[in-house]
Amino acid sequence: MPLDWNVAPSLISAASGLCGVWLGGQLTSKREAGREKDRERRESSYLAILVVAHLDRFVDGCVQVSFDDGTSEGRPAGKDGVYCEATVPLPSFDPLALSVDWKVLPTTI
């Protein structure tokens, strides 16, 4: 069967179209992966800054508790004035109350 060269332009057009669609998909996929990586990097940085700030406040509260000797103005702080009582409130840290996306943390160790 002889080869009909009248089909060649159609084959070239079809191959070019398929290659163009494939290349467009690859470029779009690469662009979206880069955007996702950049978003995760930014959100991870924000998460770290926010958690460190809250932990810093928690540590400051712990330091105040550790130096609390149970006295107020040199006298025992209890109601009857005989017994010492804590004068500094206990600090608290609730990481789940922070409004951050915890899923951006890396999953590999």
PDB file of N, CA and C in Angstrom:
ATOM      1  N   MET A   1       0.841  -1.166   0.000  1.00  0.00           N
ATOM      2  CA  MET A   1       0.000   0.000   0.000  1.00  0.00           C
ATOM      3  C   MET A   1       0.889   1.232   0.000  1.00  0.00           C
ATOM      4  N   PRO A   2       0.740   2.066  -0.980  1.00  0.00           N
ATOM      5  CA  PRO A   2       1.586   3.264  -1.059  1.00  0.00           C
ATOM      6  C   PRO A   2       1.168   4.285   0.005  1.00  0.00           C
ATOM      7  N   LEU A   3       2.154   5.049   0.501  1.00  0.00           N
ATOM      8  CA  LEU A   3       1.924   6.072   1.519  1.00  0.00           C
ATOM      9  C   LEU A   3       1.344   7.318   0.864  1.00  0.00           C
ATOM     10  N   ASP A   4       0.248   7.792   1.384  1.00  0.00           N
ATOM     11  CA  ASP A   4      -0.415   8.980   0.841  1.00  0.00           C
ATOM     12  C   ASP A   4       0.079  10.192   1.626  1.00  0.00           C
ATOM     13  N   TRP A   5       0.833  11.066   0.971  1.00  0.00           N
ATOM     14  CA  TRP A   5       1.426  12.231   1.638  1.00  0.00           C
ATOM     15  C   TRP A   5       0.403  13.342   1.891  1.00  0.00           C
ATOM     16  N   ASN A   6      -0.796  13.187   1.468  1.00  0.00           N
ATOM     17  CA  ASN A   6      -1.830  14.190   1.730  1.00  0.00           C
ATOM     18  C   ASN A   6      -2.261  14.160   3.212  1.00  0.00           C
ATOM     19  N   VAL A   7      -1.947  13.069   3.926  1.00  0.00           N
ATOM     20  CA  VAL A   7      -2.321  12.915   5.333  1.00  0.00           C
ATOM     21  C   VAL A   7      -1.279  13.560   6.249  1.00  0.00           C
ATOM     22  N   ALA A   8      -0.074  13.783   5.748  1.00  0.00           N
ATOM     23  CA  ALA A   8       1.026  14.293   6.568  1.00  0.00           C
ATOM     24  C   ALA A   8       0.691  15.614   7.256  1.00  0.00           C
ATOM     25  N   PRO A   9       0.121  16.618   6.591  1.00  0.00           N
ATOM     26  CA  PRO A   9      -0.196  17.864   7.297  1.00  0.00           C
ATOM     27  C   PRO A   9      -1.182  17.650   8.454  1.00  0.00           C
ATOM     28  N   SER A  10      -2.130  16.751   8.270  1.00  0.00           N
ATOM     29  CA  SER A  10      -3.093  16.470   9.334  1.00  0.00           C
ATOM     30  C   SER A  10      -2.406  15.796  10.526  1.00  0.00           C
ATOM     31  N   LEU A  11      -1.493  14.875  10.245  1.00  0.00           N
ATOM     32  CA  LEU A  11      -0.760  14.208  11.318  1.00  0.00           C
ATOM     33  C   LEU A  11       0.130  15.188  12.075  1.00  0.00           C
ATOM     34  N   ILE A  12       0.778  16.070  11.340  1.00  0.00           N
ATOM     35  CA  ILE A  12       1.639  17.070  11.979  1.00  0.00           C
ATOM     36  C   ILE A  12       0.794  17.999  12.852  1.00  0.00           C
ATOM     37  N   SER A  13      -0.357  18.413  12.367  1.00  0.00           N
ATOM     38  CA  SER A  13      -1.244  19.282  13.149  1.00  0.00           C
ATOM     39  C   SER A  13      -1.728  18.571  14.414  1.00  0.00           C
ATOM     40  N   ALA A  14      -2.109  17.308  14.286  1.00  0.00           N
ATOM     41  CA  ALA A  14      -2.595  16.546  15.439  1.00  0.00           C
ATOM     42  C   ALA A  14      -1.485  16.361  16.468  1.00  0.00           C
ATOM     43  N   ALA A  15      -0.281  16.005  15.989  1.00  0.00           N
ATOM     44  CA  ALA A  15       0.848  15.808  16.904  1.00  0.00           C
ATOM     45  C   ALA A  15       1.218  17.115  17.586  1.00  0.00           C
ATOM     46  N   SER A  16       1.215  18.214  16.829  1.00  0.00           N
ATOM     47  CA  SER A  16       1.533  19.516  17.414  1.00  0.00           C
ATOM     48  C   SER A  16       0.495  19.900  18.465  1.00  0.00           C
ATOM     49  N   GLY A  17      -0.759  19.646  18.173  1.00  0.00           N
ATOM     50  CA  GLY A  17      -1.823  19.953  19.136  1.00  0.00           C
ATOM     51  C   GLY A  17      -1.676  19.158  20.415  1.00  0.00           C
ATOM     52  N   LEU A  18      -1.415  17.847  20.280  1.00  0.00           N
ATOM     53  CA  LEU A  18      -1.240  17.004  21.460  1.00  0.00           C
ATOM     54  C   LEU A  18      -0.012  17.417  22.263  1.00  0.00           C
ATOM     55  N   CYS A  19       1.073  17.722  21.584  1.00  0.00           N
ATOM     56  CA  CYS A  19       2.288  18.173  22.290  1.00  0.00           C
ATOM     57  C   CYS A  19       2.035  19.503  22.994  1.00  0.00           C
ATOM     58  N   GLY A  20       1.295  20.387  22.365  1.00  0.00           N
ATOM     59  CA  GLY A  20       0.972  21.672  22.983  1.00  0.00           C
ATOM     60  C   GLY A  20       0.126  21.505  24.233  1.00  0.00           C
ATOM     61  N   VAL A  21      -0.850  20.619  24.174  1.00  0.00           N
ATOM     62  CA  VAL A  21      -1.695  20.355  25.345  1.00  0.00           C
ATOM     63  C   VAL A  21      -0.860  19.738  26.462  1.00  0.00           C
ATOM     64  N   TRP A  22      -0.003  18.779  26.117  1.00  0.00           N
ATOM     65  CA  TRP A  22       0.851  18.146  27.116  1.00  0.00           C
ATOM     66  C   TRP A  22       1.798  19.153  27.754  1.00  0.00           C
ATOM     67  N   LEU A  23       2.437  19.989  26.928  1.00  0.00           N
ATOM     68  CA  LEU A  23       3.375  20.992  27.444  1.00  0.00           C
ATOM     69  C   LEU A  23       2.638  22.005  28.323  1.00  0.00           C
ATOM     70  N   GLY A  24       1.466  22.440  27.909  1.00  0.00           N
ATOM     71  CA  GLY A  24       0.676  23.369  28.722  1.00  0.00           C
ATOM     72  C   GLY A  24       0.311  22.767  30.067  1.00  0.00           C
ATOM     73  N   GLY A  25      -0.057  21.502  30.076  1.00  0.00           N
ATOM     74  CA  GLY A  25      -0.373  20.815  31.335  1.00  0.00           C
ATOM     75  C   GLY A  25       0.827  20.718  32.253  1.00  0.00           C
ATOM     76  N   GLN A  26       1.985  20.408  31.674  1.00  0.00           N
ATOM     77  CA  GLN A  26       3.203  20.311  32.474  1.00  0.00           C
ATOM     78  C   GLN A  26       3.580  21.660  33.086  1.00  0.00           C
ATOM     79  N   LEU A  27       3.511  22.710  32.285  1.00  0.00           N
ATOM     80  CA  LEU A  27       3.855  24.047  32.782  1.00  0.00           C
ATOM     81  C   LEU A  27       2.881  24.502  33.868  1.00  0.00           C
ATOM     82  N   THR A  28       1.603  24.228  33.678  1.00  0.00           N
ATOM     83  CA  THR A  28       0.603  24.595  34.676  1.00  0.00           C
ATOM     84  C   THR A  28       0.826  23.810  35.967  1.00  0.00           C
ATOM     85  N   SER A  29       1.113  22.530  35.837  1.00  0.00           N
ATOM     86  CA  SER A  29       1.363  21.700  37.008  1.00  0.00           C
ATOM     87  C   SER A  29       2.577  22.205  37.785  1.00  0.00           C
ATOM     88  N   LYS A  30       3.640  22.545  37.073  1.00  0.00           N
ATOM     89  CA  LYS A  30       4.856  23.049  37.713  1.00  0.00           C
ATOM     90  C   LYS A  30       4.588  24.386  38.403  1.00  0.00           C
ATOM     91  N   ARG A  31       3.824  25.260  37.751  1.00  0.00           N
ATOM     92  CA  ARG A  31       3.507  26.571  38.329  1.00  0.00           C
ATOM     93  C   ARG A  31       2.683  26.407  39.609  1.00  0.00           C
ATOM     94  N   GLU A  32       1.681  25.530  39.569  1.00  0.00           N
ATOM     95  CA  GLU A  32       0.831  25.312  40.742  1.00  0.00           C
ATOM     96  C   GLU A  32       1.619  24.668  41.885  1.00  0.00           C
ATOM     97  N   ALA A  33       2.524  23.757  41.572  1.00  0.00           N
ATOM     98  CA  ALA A  33       3.354  23.142  42.612  1.00  0.00           C
ATOM     99  C   ALA A  33       4.253  24.195  43.262  1.00  0.00           C
ATOM    100  N   GLY A  34       4.793  25.102  42.469  1.00  0.00           N
ATOM    101  CA  GLY A  34       5.608  26.194  43.020  1.00  0.00           C
ATOM    102  C   GLY A  34       4.803  27.118  43.909  1.00  0.00           C
ATOM    103  N   ARG A  35       3.580  27.433  43.480  1.00  0.00           N
ATOM    104  CA  ARG A  35       2.716  28.288  44.304  1.00  0.00           C
ATOM    105  C   ARG A  35       2.375  27.609  45.625  1.00  0.00           C
ATOM    106  N   GLU A  36       2.081  26.316  45.574  1.00  0.00           N
ATOM    107  CA  GLU A  36       1.740  25.582  46.794  1.00  0.00           C
ATOM    108  C   GLU A  36       2.935  25.528  47.745  1.00  0.00           C
ATOM    109  N   LYS A  37       4.115  25.308  47.204  1.00  0.00           N
ATOM    110  CA  LYS A  37       5.322  25.268  48.033  1.00  0.00           C
ATOM    111  C   LYS A  37       5.579  26.627  48.667  1.00  0.00           C
ATOM    112  N   ASP A  38       5.396  27.692  47.918  1.00  0.00           N
ATOM    113  CA  ASP A  38       5.587  29.044  48.441  1.00  0.00           C
ATOM    114  C   ASP A  38       4.544  29.358  49.519  1.00  0.00           C
ATOM    115  N   ARG A  39       3.297  28.944  49.303  1.00  0.00           N
ATOM    116  CA  ARG A  39       2.242  29.172  50.299  1.00  0.00           C
ATOM    117  C   ARG A  39       2.556  28.421  51.585  1.00  0.00           C
ATOM    118  N   GLU A  40       2.995  27.178  51.469  1.00  0.00           N
ATOM    119  CA  GLU A  40       3.343  26.398  52.653  1.00  0.00           C
ATOM    120  C   GLU A  40       4.519  27.014  53.397  1.00  0.00           C
ATOM    121  N   ARG A  41       5.492  27.536  52.657  1.00  0.00           N
ATOM    122  CA  ARG A  41       6.653  28.183  53.292  1.00  0.00           C
ATOM    123  C   ARG A  41       6.212  29.416  54.072  1.00  0.00           C
ATOM    124  N   ARG A  42       5.350  30.241  53.456  1.00  0.00           N
ATOM    125  CA  ARG A  42       4.874  31.452  54.125  1.00  0.00           C
ATOM    126  C   ARG A  42       4.034  31.108  55.347  1.00  0.00           C
ATOM    127  N   GLU A  43       3.130  30.134  55.215  1.00  0.00           N
ATOM    128  CA  GLU A  43       2.277  29.778  56.339  1.00  0.00           C
ATOM    129  C   GLU A  43       3.062  29.088  57.451  1.00  0.00           C
ATOM    130  N   SER A  44       4.099  28.343  57.098  1.00  0.00           N
ATOM    131  CA  SER A  44       4.957  27.732  58.122  1.00  0.00           C
ATOM    132  C   SER A  44       5.704  28.806  58.898  1.00  0.00           C
ATOM    133  N   SER A  45       6.174  29.819  58.206  1.00  0.00           N
ATOM    134  CA  SER A  45       6.862  30.921  58.881  1.00  0.00           C
ATOM    135  C   SER A  45       5.912  31.653  59.812  1.00  0.00           C
ATOM    136  N   TYR A  46       4.688  31.917  59.357  1.00  0.00           N
ATOM    137  CA  TYR A  46       3.696  32.592  60.182  1.00  0.00           C
ATOM    138  C   TYR A  46       3.366  31.747  61.411  1.00  0.00           C
ATOM    139  N   LEU A  47       3.195  30.440  61.219  1.00  0.00           N
ATOM    140  CA  LEU A  47       2.899  29.538  62.318  1.00  0.00           C
ATOM    141  C   LEU A  47       4.026  29.570  63.348  1.00  0.00           C
ATOM    142  N   ALA A  48       5.268  29.512  62.881  1.00  0.00           N
ATOM    143  CA  ALA A  48       6.405  29.521  63.795  1.00  0.00           C
ATOM    144  C   ALA A  48       6.459  30.822  64.591  1.00  0.00           C
ATOM    145  N   ILE A  49       6.244  31.959  63.930  1.00  0.00           N
ATOM    146  CA  ILE A  49       6.289  33.248  64.619  1.00  0.00           C
ATOM    147  C   ILE A  49       5.193  33.328  65.670  1.00  0.00           C
ATOM    148  N   LEU A  50       3.996  32.920  65.316  1.00  0.00           N
ATOM    149  CA  LEU A  50       2.864  33.001  66.240  1.00  0.00           C
ATOM    150  C   LEU A  50       3.050  32.067  67.433  1.00  0.00           C
ATOM    151  N   VAL A  51       3.478  30.842  67.194  1.00  0.00           N
ATOM    152  CA  VAL A  51       3.663  29.886  68.286  1.00  0.00           C
ATOM    153  C   VAL A  51       4.800  30.337  69.196  1.00  0.00           C
ATOM    154  N   VAL A  52       5.880  30.849  68.634  1.00  0.00           N
ATOM    155  CA  VAL A  52       7.000  31.325  69.450  1.00  0.00           C
ATOM    156  C   VAL A  52       6.568  32.499  70.316  1.00  0.00           C
ATOM    157  N   ALA A  53       5.754  33.399  69.784  1.00  0.00           N
ATOM    158  CA  ALA A  53       5.278  34.536  70.571  1.00  0.00           C
ATOM    159  C   ALA A  53       4.425  34.058  71.750  1.00  0.00           C
ATOM    160  N   HIS A  54       3.544  33.093  71.506  1.00  0.00           N
ATOM    161  CA  HIS A  54       2.712  32.564  72.592  1.00  0.00           C
ATOM    162  C   HIS A  54       3.549  31.788  73.608  1.00  0.00           C
ATOM    163  N   LEU A  55       4.524  31.036  73.136  1.00  0.00           N
ATOM    164  CA  LEU A  55       5.396  30.311  74.061  1.00  0.00           C
ATOM    165  C   LEU A  55       6.249  31.269  74.880  1.00  0.00           C
ATOM    166  N   ASP A  56       6.647  32.382  74.287  1.00  0.00           N
ATOM    167  CA  ASP A  56       7.428  33.386  75.013  1.00  0.00           C
ATOM    168  C   ASP A  56       6.617  33.947  76.177  1.00  0.00           C
ATOM    169  N   ARG A  57       5.334  34.259  75.917  1.00  0.00           N
ATOM    170  CA  ARG A  57       4.466  34.724  77.003  1.00  0.00           C
ATOM    171  C   ARG A  57       4.291  33.650  78.072  1.00  0.00           C
ATOM    172  N   PHE A  58       4.173  32.402  77.651  1.00  0.00           N
ATOM    173  CA  PHE A  58       4.016  31.299  78.596  1.00  0.00           C
ATOM    174  C   PHE A  58       5.262  31.157  79.470  1.00  0.00           C
ATOM    175  N   VAL A  59       6.432  31.246  78.865  1.00  0.00           N
ATOM    176  CA  VAL A  59       7.686  31.148  79.618  1.00  0.00           C
ATOM    177  C   VAL A  59       7.804  32.303  80.593  1.00  0.00           C
ATOM    178  N   ASP A  60       7.444  33.512  80.169  1.00  0.00           N
ATOM    179  CA  ASP A  60       7.478  34.654  81.092  1.00  0.00           C
ATOM    180  C   ASP A  60       6.564  34.415  82.291  1.00  0.00           C
ATOM    181  N   GLY A  61       5.394  33.850  82.055  1.00  0.00           N
ATOM    182  CA  GLY A  61       4.486  33.519  83.156  1.00  0.00           C
ATOM    183  C   GLY A  61       5.067  32.458  84.067  1.00  0.00           C
ATOM    184  N   CYS A  62       5.752  31.473  83.488  1.00  0.00           N
ATOM    185  CA  CYS A  62       6.380  30.425  84.300  1.00  0.00           C
ATOM    186  C   CYS A  62       7.494  31.004  85.165  1.00  0.00           C
ATOM    187  N   VAL A  63       8.244  31.950  84.640  1.00  0.00           N
ATOM    188  CA  VAL A  63       9.309  32.593  85.414  1.00  0.00           C
ATOM    189  C   VAL A  63       8.697  33.349  86.595  1.00  0.00           C
ATOM    190  N   GLN A  64       7.595  34.053  86.366  1.00  0.00           N
ATOM    191  CA  GLN A  64       6.942  34.771  87.456  1.00  0.00           C
ATOM    192  C   GLN A  64       6.450  33.803  88.529  1.00  0.00           C
ATOM    193  N   VAL A  65       5.904  32.671  88.114  1.00  0.00           N
ATOM    194  CA  VAL A  65       5.438  31.668  89.080  1.00  0.00           C
ATOM    195  C   VAL A  65       6.621  31.108  89.867  1.00  0.00           C
ATOM    196  N   SER A  66       7.747  30.880  89.209  1.00  0.00           N
ATOM    197  CA  SER A  66       8.897  30.291  89.899  1.00  0.00           C
ATOM    198  C   SER A  66       9.481  31.237  90.937  1.00  0.00           C
ATOM    199  N   PHE A  67       9.328  32.546  90.759  1.00  0.00           N
ATOM    200  CA  PHE A  67       9.842  33.509  91.727  1.00  0.00           C
ATOM    201  C   PHE A  67       8.788  33.930  92.759  1.00  0.00           C
ATOM    202  N   ASP A  68       7.594  33.385  92.667  1.00  0.00           N
ATOM    203  CA  ASP A  68       6.543  33.712  93.628  1.00  0.00           C
ATOM    204  C   ASP A  68       6.859  33.022  94.952  1.00  0.00           C
ATOM    205  N   ASP A  69       7.052  33.819  96.006  1.00  0.00           N
ATOM    206  CA  ASP A  69       7.368  33.240  97.312  1.00  0.00           C
ATOM    207  C   ASP A  69       6.159  33.185  98.238  1.00  0.00           C
ATOM    208  N   GLY A  70       4.987  33.552  97.747  1.00  0.00           N
ATOM    209  CA  GLY A  70       3.766  33.445  98.535  1.00  0.00           C
ATOM    210  C   GLY A  70       3.542  34.599  99.491  1.00  0.00           C
ATOM    211  N   THR A  71       4.295  35.663  99.320  1.00  0.00           N
ATOM    212  CA  THR A  71       4.123  36.817 100.197  1.00  0.00           C
ATOM    213  C   THR A  71       3.627  38.013  99.402  1.00  0.00           C
ATOM    214  N   SER A  72       3.004  38.913 100.111  1.00  0.00           N
ATOM    215  CA  SER A  72       2.542  40.157  99.528  1.00  0.00           C
ATOM    216  C   SER A  72       2.991  41.285 100.447  1.00  0.00           C
ATOM    217  N   GLU A  73       3.809  42.156  99.901  1.00  0.00           N
ATOM    218  CA  GLU A  73       4.371  43.276 100.668  1.00  0.00           C
ATOM    219  C   GLU A  73       5.107  42.797 101.908  1.00  0.00           C
ATOM    220  N   GLY A  74       5.821  41.687 101.787  1.00  0.00           N
ATOM    221  CA  GLY A  74       6.643  41.175 102.879  1.00  0.00           C
ATOM    222  C   GLY A  74       5.913  40.324 103.883  1.00  0.00           C
ATOM    223  N   ARG A  75       4.623  40.176 103.765  1.00  0.00           N
ATOM    224  CA  ARG A  75       3.844  39.363 104.702  1.00  0.00           C
ATOM    225  C   ARG A  75       3.243  38.181 103.946  1.00  0.00           C
ATOM    226  N   PRO A  76       2.938  37.102 104.665  1.00  0.00           N
ATOM    227  CA  PRO A  76       2.281  35.977 103.995  1.00  0.00           C
ATOM    228  C   PRO A  76       0.987  36.428 103.312  1.00  0.00           C
ATOM    229  N   ALA A  77       0.753  35.893 102.125  1.00  0.00           N
ATOM    230  CA  ALA A  77      -0.378  36.348 101.315  1.00  0.00           C
ATOM    231  C   ALA A  77      -1.667  35.599 101.597  1.00  0.00           C
ATOM    232  N   GLY A  78      -1.674  34.683 102.546  1.00  0.00           N
ATOM    233  CA  GLY A  78      -2.882  33.945 102.873  1.00  0.00           C
ATOM    234  C   GLY A  78      -3.951  34.847 103.477  1.00  0.00           C
ATOM    235  N   LYS A  79      -5.177  34.356 103.533  1.00  0.00           N
ATOM    236  CA  LYS A  79      -6.295  35.162 104.049  1.00  0.00           C
ATOM    237  C   LYS A  79      -6.123  35.527 105.518  1.00  0.00           C
ATOM    238  N   ASP A  80      -5.559  34.626 106.283  1.00  0.00           N
ATOM    239  CA  ASP A  80      -5.390  34.915 107.704  1.00  0.00           C
ATOM    240  C   ASP A  80      -4.055  35.582 108.023  1.00  0.00           C
ATOM    241  N   GLY A  81      -3.204  35.742 107.031  1.00  0.00           N
ATOM    242  CA  GLY A  81      -1.920  36.405 107.227  1.00  0.00           C
ATOM    243  C   GLY A  81      -0.877  35.529 107.875  1.00  0.00           C
ATOM    244  N   VAL A  82      -1.178  34.244 108.018  1.00  0.00           N
ATOM    245  CA  VAL A  82      -0.234  33.334 108.648  1.00  0.00           C
ATOM    246  C   VAL A  82       0.449  32.446 107.613  1.00  0.00           C
ATOM    247  N   TYR A  83      -0.312  31.977 106.644  1.00  0.00           N
ATOM    248  CA  TYR A  83       0.214  31.043 105.659  1.00  0.00           C
ATOM    249  C   TYR A  83       0.510  31.754 104.339  1.00  0.00           C
ATOM    250  N   CYS A  84       1.532  31.265 103.678  1.00  0.00           N
ATOM    251  CA  CYS A  84       1.883  31.812 102.353  1.00  0.00           C
ATOM    252  C   CYS A  84       0.939  31.222 101.305  1.00  0.00           C
ATOM    253  N   GLU A  85       0.625  32.024 100.322  1.00  0.00           N
ATOM    254  CA  GLU A  85      -0.285  31.608  99.258  1.00  0.00           C
ATOM    255  C   GLU A  85       0.220  32.196  97.937  1.00  0.00           C
ATOM    256  N   ALA A  86       0.015  31.460  96.865  1.00  0.00           N
ATOM    257  CA  ALA A  86       0.471  31.931  95.547  1.00  0.00           C
ATOM    258  C   ALA A  86      -0.185  33.275  95.215  1.00  0.00           C
ATOM    259  N   THR A  87       0.619  34.195  94.717  1.00  0.00           N
ATOM    260  CA  THR A  87       0.103  35.517  94.361  1.00  0.00           C
ATOM    261  C   THR A  87       0.095  35.750  92.855  1.00  0.00           C
ATOM    262  N   VAL A  88       0.714  34.863  92.129  1.00  0.00           N
ATOM    263  CA  VAL A  88       0.814  35.000  90.669  1.00  0.00           C
ATOM    264  C   VAL A  88      -0.076  33.935  90.026  1.00  0.00           C
ATOM    265  N   PRO A  89      -0.915  34.324  89.064  1.00  0.00           N
ATOM    266  CA  PRO A  89      -1.759  33.316  88.411  1.00  0.00           C
ATOM    267  C   PRO A  89      -0.923  32.366  87.545  1.00  0.00           C
ATOM    268  N   LEU A  90      -1.374  31.132  87.455  1.00  0.00           N
ATOM    269  CA  LEU A  90      -0.668  30.140  86.636  1.00  0.00           C
ATOM    270  C   LEU A  90      -0.831  30.468  85.161  1.00  0.00           C
ATOM    271  N   PRO A  91       0.261  30.404  84.396  1.00  0.00           N
ATOM    272  CA  PRO A  91       0.147  30.666  82.955  1.00  0.00           C
ATOM    273  C   PRO A  91      -0.488  29.470  82.249  1.00  0.00           C
ATOM    274  N   SER A  92      -1.054  29.730  81.088  1.00  0.00           N
ATOM    275  CA  SER A  92      -1.626  28.636  80.303  1.00  0.00           C
ATOM    276  C   SER A  92      -1.212  28.796  78.844  1.00  0.00           C
ATOM    277  N   PHE A  93      -1.099  27.663  78.189  1.00  0.00           N
ATOM    278  CA  PHE A  93      -0.750  27.643  76.766  1.00  0.00           C
ATOM    279  C   PHE A  93      -1.646  26.613  76.098  1.00  0.00           C
ATOM    280  N   ASP A  94      -2.499  27.080  75.214  1.00  0.00           N
ATOM    281  CA  ASP A  94      -3.411  26.198  74.492  1.00  0.00           C
ATOM    282  C   ASP A  94      -3.114  26.324  72.993  1.00  0.00           C
ATOM    283  N   PRO A  95      -2.274  25.449  72.460  1.00  0.00           N
ATOM    284  CA  PRO A  95      -1.893  25.579  71.051  1.00  0.00           C
ATOM    285  C   PRO A  95      -3.047  25.384  70.082  1.00  0.00           C
ATOM    286  N   LEU A  96      -4.075  24.645  70.484  1.00  0.00           N
ATOM    287  CA  LEU A  96      -5.199  24.407  69.576  1.00  0.00           C
ATOM    288  C   LEU A  96      -6.102  25.623  69.447  1.00  0.00           C
ATOM    289  N   ALA A  97      -5.944  26.607  70.334  1.00  0.00           N
ATOM    290  CA  ALA A  97      -6.746  27.825  70.240  1.00  0.00           C
ATOM    291  C   ALA A  97      -6.160  28.804  69.218  1.00  0.00           C
ATOM    292  N   LEU A  98      -4.938  28.537  68.763  1.00  0.00           N
ATOM    293  CA  LEU A  98      -4.303  29.416  67.773  1.00  0.00           C
ATOM    294  C   LEU A  98      -4.947  29.189  66.411  1.00  0.00           C
ATOM    295  N   SER A  99      -5.202  30.275  65.706  1.00  0.00           N
ATOM    296  CA  SER A  99      -5.850  30.166  64.389  1.00  0.00           C
ATOM    297  C   SER A  99      -4.794  30.066  63.291  1.00  0.00           C
ATOM    298  N   VAL A 100      -4.188  28.901  63.202  1.00  0.00           N
ATOM    299  CA  VAL A 100      -3.175  28.633  62.176  1.00  0.00           C
ATOM    300  C   VAL A 100      -3.506  27.309  61.500  1.00  0.00           C
ATOM    301  N   ASP A 101      -2.926  27.103  60.342  1.00  0.00           N
ATOM    302  CA  ASP A 101      -3.115  25.851  59.607  1.00  0.00           C
ATOM    303  C   ASP A 101      -1.979  24.898  59.993  1.00  0.00           C
ATOM    304  N   TRP A 102      -2.274  23.967  60.889  1.00  0.00           N
ATOM    305  CA  TRP A 102      -1.255  23.051  61.389  1.00  0.00           C
ATOM    306  C   TRP A 102      -0.809  22.062  60.315  1.00  0.00           C
ATOM    307  N   LYS A 103      -1.570  21.947  59.239  1.00  0.00           N
ATOM    308  CA  LYS A 103      -1.237  20.981  58.182  1.00  0.00           C
ATOM    309  C   LYS A 103      -0.018  21.403  57.368  1.00  0.00           C
ATOM    310  N   VAL A 104       0.439  22.638  57.514  1.00  0.00           N
ATOM    311  CA  VAL A 104       1.600  23.072  56.737  1.00  0.00           C
ATOM    312  C   VAL A 104       2.906  22.627  57.358  1.00  0.00           C
ATOM    313  N   LEU A 105       2.853  22.047  58.560  1.00  0.00           N
ATOM    314  CA  LEU A 105       4.076  21.550  59.163  1.00  0.00           C
ATOM    315  C   LEU A 105       4.588  20.349  58.371  1.00  0.00           C
ATOM    316  N   PRO A 106       5.901  20.207  58.259  1.00  0.00           N
ATOM    317  CA  PRO A 106       6.426  19.084  57.477  1.00  0.00           C
ATOM    318  C   PRO A 106       6.090  17.750  58.152  1.00  0.00           C
ATOM    319  N   THR A 107       5.793  16.763  57.335  1.00  0.00           N
ATOM    320  CA  THR A 107       5.406  15.457  57.869  1.00  0.00           C
ATOM    321  C   THR A 107       6.595  14.520  58.035  1.00  0.00           C
ATOM    322  N   THR A 108       7.712  14.827  57.426  1.00  0.00           N
ATOM    323  CA  THR A 108       8.895  13.977  57.555  1.00  0.00           C
ATOM    324  C   THR A 108       9.687  14.388  58.777  1.00  0.00           C
ATOM    325  N   ILE A 109      10.359  13.405  59.357  1.00  0.00           N
ATOM    326  CA  ILE A 109      11.154  13.674  60.555  1.00  0.00           C
ATOM    327  C   ILE A 109      12.596  13.868  60.176  1.00  0.00           C
TER     328      ILE A 109
END
